[in-house]
Amino acid sequence: EYVKLIETNHSKDDFLKKDNIQFDIELFFGGKERLRGKMTLATNSSRGIIETKNGEKIIFKNDTTFYSPGMNKTKVRFDAYTWSYFFLFPFKLSDEGTNWTEMKYSEMNGNLYSVQRLSFDKGIGDAPDDWYQVYSDTSDNSIFAAAYIVTASSSIERAEEDPHAIVYKNYQDIDGIPIAANWEFFGWTKTEGLTDTLGNATLTNIEFLDDSDSLYIPPANFLKF
């Protein structure tokens, strides 16, 4: 029920009727530019493209990722799946293999939110041990923040020593669908909520694109995994 309320607020059904969404992204983490370029994502999350300002490109289709020669494979894997997942997060809450705890109300940094924890079945996605604690607005059920751990390159125990949170801000109406144009990243603890500022992202020129298979064809010299 809780998840349905969020999906309704975020117009998930209308979002999935679109083919692709494209936007420019500037992302800073730890005071350094982490990503600047253009992202194109299938609304059903089956494929996507990240084109960086220096001409490098990542193309991911289903379970295969293609990337420009010379790119770091570990960074490619992280970039391909992390940033696209954060963008598509409001539309993936009821994907197969998602598990939710019972909703409760909780205060964080002086404000009251609806809160529920998301975990995943074994074998789901690139990092099934990840979890998210989702905070939504009690008035309109829009996602405010999601605390999370990243286990891709570490154990779950180590990841849980350093949880982060993404805050979704500045929702824009794109063809009747609310899309957060700003992300903010923070440290997070169960007791303190949002702590140190870690990074931020700005999304501009957000638009939906009709389907075109030619979008996702990798050049012959691309590496893949």
Protein backbone atom coordinates (compact mmCIF):
# COMPACT_ATOMS: atom_id res chain seq x y z
CA GLU A 1 0.00 0.00 0.00
CA TYR A 2 2.79 2.40 0.98
CA VAL A 3 4.71 1.62 -2.19
CA LYS A 4 1.58 2.07 -4.29
CA LEU A 5 1.04 5.55 -2.82
CA ILE A 6 4.58 6.58 -3.77
CA GLU A 7 4.26 5.12 -7.27
CA THR A 8 0.97 6.94 -7.80
CA ASN A 9 2.48 10.24 -6.70
CA HIS A 10 5.43 9.73 -9.05
CA SER A 11 3.09 8.82 -11.96
CA LYS A 12 4.79 5.49 -12.52
CA ASP A 13 2.18 4.22 -14.99
CA ASP A 14 2.54 7.31 -17.17
CA PHE A 15 6.33 7.15 -16.90
CA LEU A 16 6.37 3.56 -18.17
CA LYS A 17 4.22 4.53 -21.15
CA LYS A 18 7.17 6.61 -22.35
CA ASP A 19 10.07 4.92 -24.13
CA ASN A 20 13.23 6.71 -23.01
CA ILE A 21 14.20 9.68 -20.88
CA GLN A 22 17.30 11.79 -21.48
CA PHE A 23 19.01 14.48 -19.41
CA ASP A 24 22.30 16.25 -18.87
CA ILE A 25 23.94 15.54 -15.51
CA GLU A 26 26.66 17.25 -13.49
CA LEU A 27 27.61 15.21 -10.45
CA PHE A 28 30.12 16.09 -7.77
CA PHE A 29 31.24 13.79 -4.96
CA GLY A 30 33.79 14.52 -2.28
CA GLY A 31 34.41 17.96 -3.76
CA LYS A 32 35.42 16.53 -7.15
CA GLU A 33 33.58 16.29 -10.42
CA ARG A 34 32.45 12.66 -10.67
CA LEU A 35 30.36 12.74 -13.83
CA ARG A 36 29.49 15.36 -16.42
CA GLY A 37 27.62 14.32 -19.49
CA LYS A 38 24.35 13.04 -20.87
CA MET A 39 22.31 10.05 -19.75
CA THR A 40 19.66 8.25 -21.78
CA LEU A 41 17.62 5.59 -20.03
CA ALA A 42 14.84 3.26 -21.11
CA THR A 43 11.96 3.90 -18.71
CA ASN A 44 11.70 0.14 -18.02
CA SER A 45 15.40 0.18 -17.01
CA SER A 46 16.35 -2.42 -19.62
CA ARG A 47 19.06 -0.30 -21.20
CA GLY A 48 20.85 2.99 -20.93
CA ILE A 49 23.67 5.22 -22.11
CA ILE A 50 26.11 7.48 -20.31
CA GLU A 51 28.04 9.85 -22.58
CA THR A 52 30.74 11.87 -20.79
CA LYS A 53 31.98 15.33 -21.71
CA ASN A 54 35.29 13.86 -22.98
CA GLY A 55 33.54 11.60 -25.46
CA GLU A 56 33.66 8.33 -23.54
CA LYS A 57 30.51 6.26 -23.57
CA ILE A 58 28.93 3.43 -21.61
CA ILE A 59 26.03 1.48 -23.09
CA PHE A 60 24.23 -1.11 -20.99
CA LYS A 61 21.59 -3.44 -22.37
CA ASN A 62 19.94 -6.02 -20.16
CA ASP A 63 22.89 -7.88 -18.63
CA THR A 64 25.65 -6.68 -20.97
CA THR A 65 27.66 -3.49 -20.61
CA PHE A 66 29.69 -1.97 -23.45
CA TYR A 67 32.22 0.80 -22.93
CA SER A 68 34.84 2.89 -24.70
CA PRO A 69 38.36 1.43 -24.82
CA GLY A 70 40.56 2.86 -22.09
CA MET A 71 37.84 3.27 -19.47
CA ASN A 72 38.29 1.66 -16.06
CA LYS A 73 36.07 -1.44 -15.90
CA THR A 74 35.33 -1.14 -12.17
CA LYS A 75 34.29 2.50 -12.54
CA VAL A 76 32.25 1.64 -15.64
CA ARG A 77 30.28 -0.99 -13.71
CA PHE A 78 29.65 1.39 -10.81
CA ASP A 79 28.62 4.31 -13.02
CA ALA A 80 26.40 2.22 -15.27
CA TYR A 81 24.28 0.78 -12.50
CA THR A 82 24.47 3.30 -9.65
CA TRP A 83 23.47 6.60 -11.24
CA SER A 84 20.78 5.05 -13.43
CA TYR A 85 19.31 3.26 -10.42
CA PHE A 86 19.20 6.46 -8.38
CA PHE A 87 17.37 8.22 -11.20
CA LEU A 88 14.89 5.40 -11.81
CA PHE A 89 14.47 4.59 -8.10
CA PRO A 90 10.90 5.97 -7.66
CA PHE A 91 9.77 3.78 -10.56
CA LYS A 92 11.44 0.53 -9.42
CA LEU A 93 10.03 0.15 -5.93
CA SER A 94 7.86 -2.86 -6.78
CA ASP A 95 10.29 -4.62 -9.11
CA GLU A 96 10.51 -8.38 -8.84
CA GLY A 97 12.58 -9.42 -5.83
CA THR A 98 11.93 -6.30 -3.75
CA ASN A 99 10.98 -6.74 -0.08
CA TRP A 100 9.47 -4.05 2.15
CA THR A 101 9.13 -3.78 5.91
CA GLU A 102 5.96 -2.43 7.49
CA MET A 103 5.60 1.34 7.18
CA LYS A 104 6.21 3.50 10.22
CA TYR A 105 6.59 7.19 10.92
CA SER A 106 9.98 8.52 11.91
CA GLU A 107 11.57 11.87 12.54
CA MET A 108 14.74 12.79 10.69
CA ASN A 109 16.53 16.08 11.19
CA GLY A 110 13.45 17.60 12.80
CA ASN A 111 10.84 16.53 10.24
CA LEU A 112 8.38 13.63 10.27
CA TYR A 113 8.38 11.16 7.36
CA SER A 114 6.78 7.90 6.35
CA VAL A 115 9.57 5.33 6.46
CA GLN A 116 9.98 1.84 5.07
CA ARG A 117 13.02 -0.33 4.43
CA LEU A 118 13.68 -1.98 1.08
CA SER A 119 15.79 -5.11 0.69
CA PHE A 120 16.24 -7.58 -2.15
CA ASP A 121 16.03 -11.30 -2.80
CA LYS A 122 19.31 -13.12 -3.33
CA GLY A 123 20.48 -12.92 -6.91
CA ILE A 124 18.50 -9.76 -7.69
CA GLY A 125 20.40 -6.99 -9.44
CA ASP A 126 24.09 -6.19 -9.33
CA ALA A 127 24.32 -5.97 -5.52
CA PRO A 128 21.48 -7.87 -3.79
CA ASP A 129 22.89 -7.20 -0.30
CA ASP A 130 22.25 -3.46 -0.66
CA TRP A 131 19.35 -2.01 1.31
CA TYR A 132 17.51 1.29 1.24
CA GLN A 133 15.58 3.10 3.96
CA VAL A 134 13.04 5.23 2.14
CA TYR A 135 11.67 8.47 3.57
CA SER A 136 8.59 9.90 1.90
CA ASP A 137 6.62 13.08 2.46
CA THR A 138 3.62 12.42 4.72
CA SER A 139 1.45 14.88 2.76
CA ASP A 140 1.97 13.88 -0.88
CA ASN A 141 3.98 10.61 -0.70
CA SER A 142 6.83 11.94 -2.83
CA ILE A 143 10.22 10.44 -2.03
CA PHE A 144 12.31 12.84 0.03
CA ALA A 145 15.33 10.67 0.71
CA ALA A 146 16.70 7.15 0.65
CA ALA A 147 19.46 6.02 3.00
CA TYR A 148 21.48 3.17 1.50
CA ILE A 149 24.58 1.04 1.62
CA VAL A 150 26.82 0.11 -1.32
CA THR A 151 28.16 -3.46 -1.18
CA ALA A 152 29.48 -3.68 -4.75
CA SER A 153 33.12 -3.54 -3.66
CA SER A 154 32.92 -4.42 0.04
CA SER A 155 31.26 -6.73 2.54
CA ILE A 156 27.82 -5.88 3.91
CA GLU A 157 29.40 -5.41 7.34
CA ARG A 158 31.86 -2.86 6.05
CA ALA A 159 29.20 -1.11 3.96
CA GLU A 160 26.93 -0.78 6.99
CA GLU A 161 29.70 1.12 8.80
CA ASP A 162 29.30 3.97 6.31
CA PRO A 163 25.71 4.37 5.06
CA HIS A 164 24.90 7.27 2.76
CA ALA A 165 21.65 8.96 1.78
CA ILE A 166 20.38 10.57 -1.40
CA VAL A 167 17.91 13.44 -1.07
CA TYR A 168 15.65 14.18 -4.04
CA LYS A 169 14.91 17.89 -4.47
CA ASN A 170 13.48 20.42 -6.90
CA TYR A 171 10.91 18.17 -8.55
CA GLN A 172 10.08 19.33 -12.08
CA ASP A 173 6.94 18.55 -14.06
CA ILE A 174 8.12 16.76 -17.22
CA ASP A 175 5.09 15.86 -19.36
CA GLY A 176 3.02 15.58 -16.17
CA ILE A 177 5.58 13.36 -14.40
CA PRO A 178 7.53 14.68 -11.38
CA ILE A 179 11.29 14.30 -11.85
CA ALA A 180 13.81 15.47 -9.23
CA ALA A 181 16.23 17.88 -10.91
CA ASN A 182 18.61 17.94 -7.94
CA TRP A 183 20.16 15.22 -5.83
CA GLU A 184 22.08 15.77 -2.62
CA PHE A 185 24.23 13.09 -0.97
CA PHE A 186 24.87 12.88 2.77
CA GLY A 187 26.33 10.63 5.37
CA TRP A 188 23.53 9.01 7.39
CA THR A 189 23.07 7.23 10.71
CA LYS A 190 19.98 5.74 12.34
CA THR A 191 20.26 8.12 15.27
CA GLU A 192 21.39 11.34 13.62
CA GLY A 193 19.75 11.06 10.22
CA LEU A 194 21.50 13.15 7.56
CA THR A 195 25.01 14.15 8.61
CA ASP A 196 27.92 15.38 6.45
CA THR A 197 27.32 16.67 2.94
CA LEU A 198 29.06 14.33 0.47
CA GLY A 199 27.99 15.45 -2.98
CA ASN A 200 25.31 16.76 -5.29
CA ALA A 201 23.97 16.39 -8.79
CA THR A 202 22.10 18.73 -11.12
CA LEU A 203 19.93 17.39 -13.94
CA THR A 204 18.99 19.68 -16.83
CA ASN A 205 17.39 19.42 -20.27
CA ILE A 206 15.19 16.56 -19.07
CA GLU A 207 13.03 15.17 -21.88
CA PHE A 208 11.36 11.98 -23.05
CA LEU A 209 12.47 10.38 -26.32
CA ASP A 210 10.61 7.95 -28.56
CA ASP A 211 12.14 4.52 -28.97
CA SER A 212 15.02 4.12 -31.37
CA ASP A 213 17.09 0.95 -31.42
CA SER A 214 19.91 2.88 -33.08
CA LEU A 215 20.41 4.77 -29.80
CA TYR A 216 21.79 1.71 -28.08
CA ILE A 217 24.07 0.16 -30.73
CA PRO A 218 27.68 0.06 -29.46
CA PRO A 219 30.57 0.81 -31.84
CA ALA A 220 32.51 -2.26 -32.97
CA ASN A 221 35.61 -1.39 -30.95
CA PHE A 222 33.81 -1.17 -27.59
CA LEU A 223 34.79 -3.55 -24.80
CA LYS A 224 32.11 -5.44 -22.91
CA PHE A 225 31.38 -7.52 -19.83
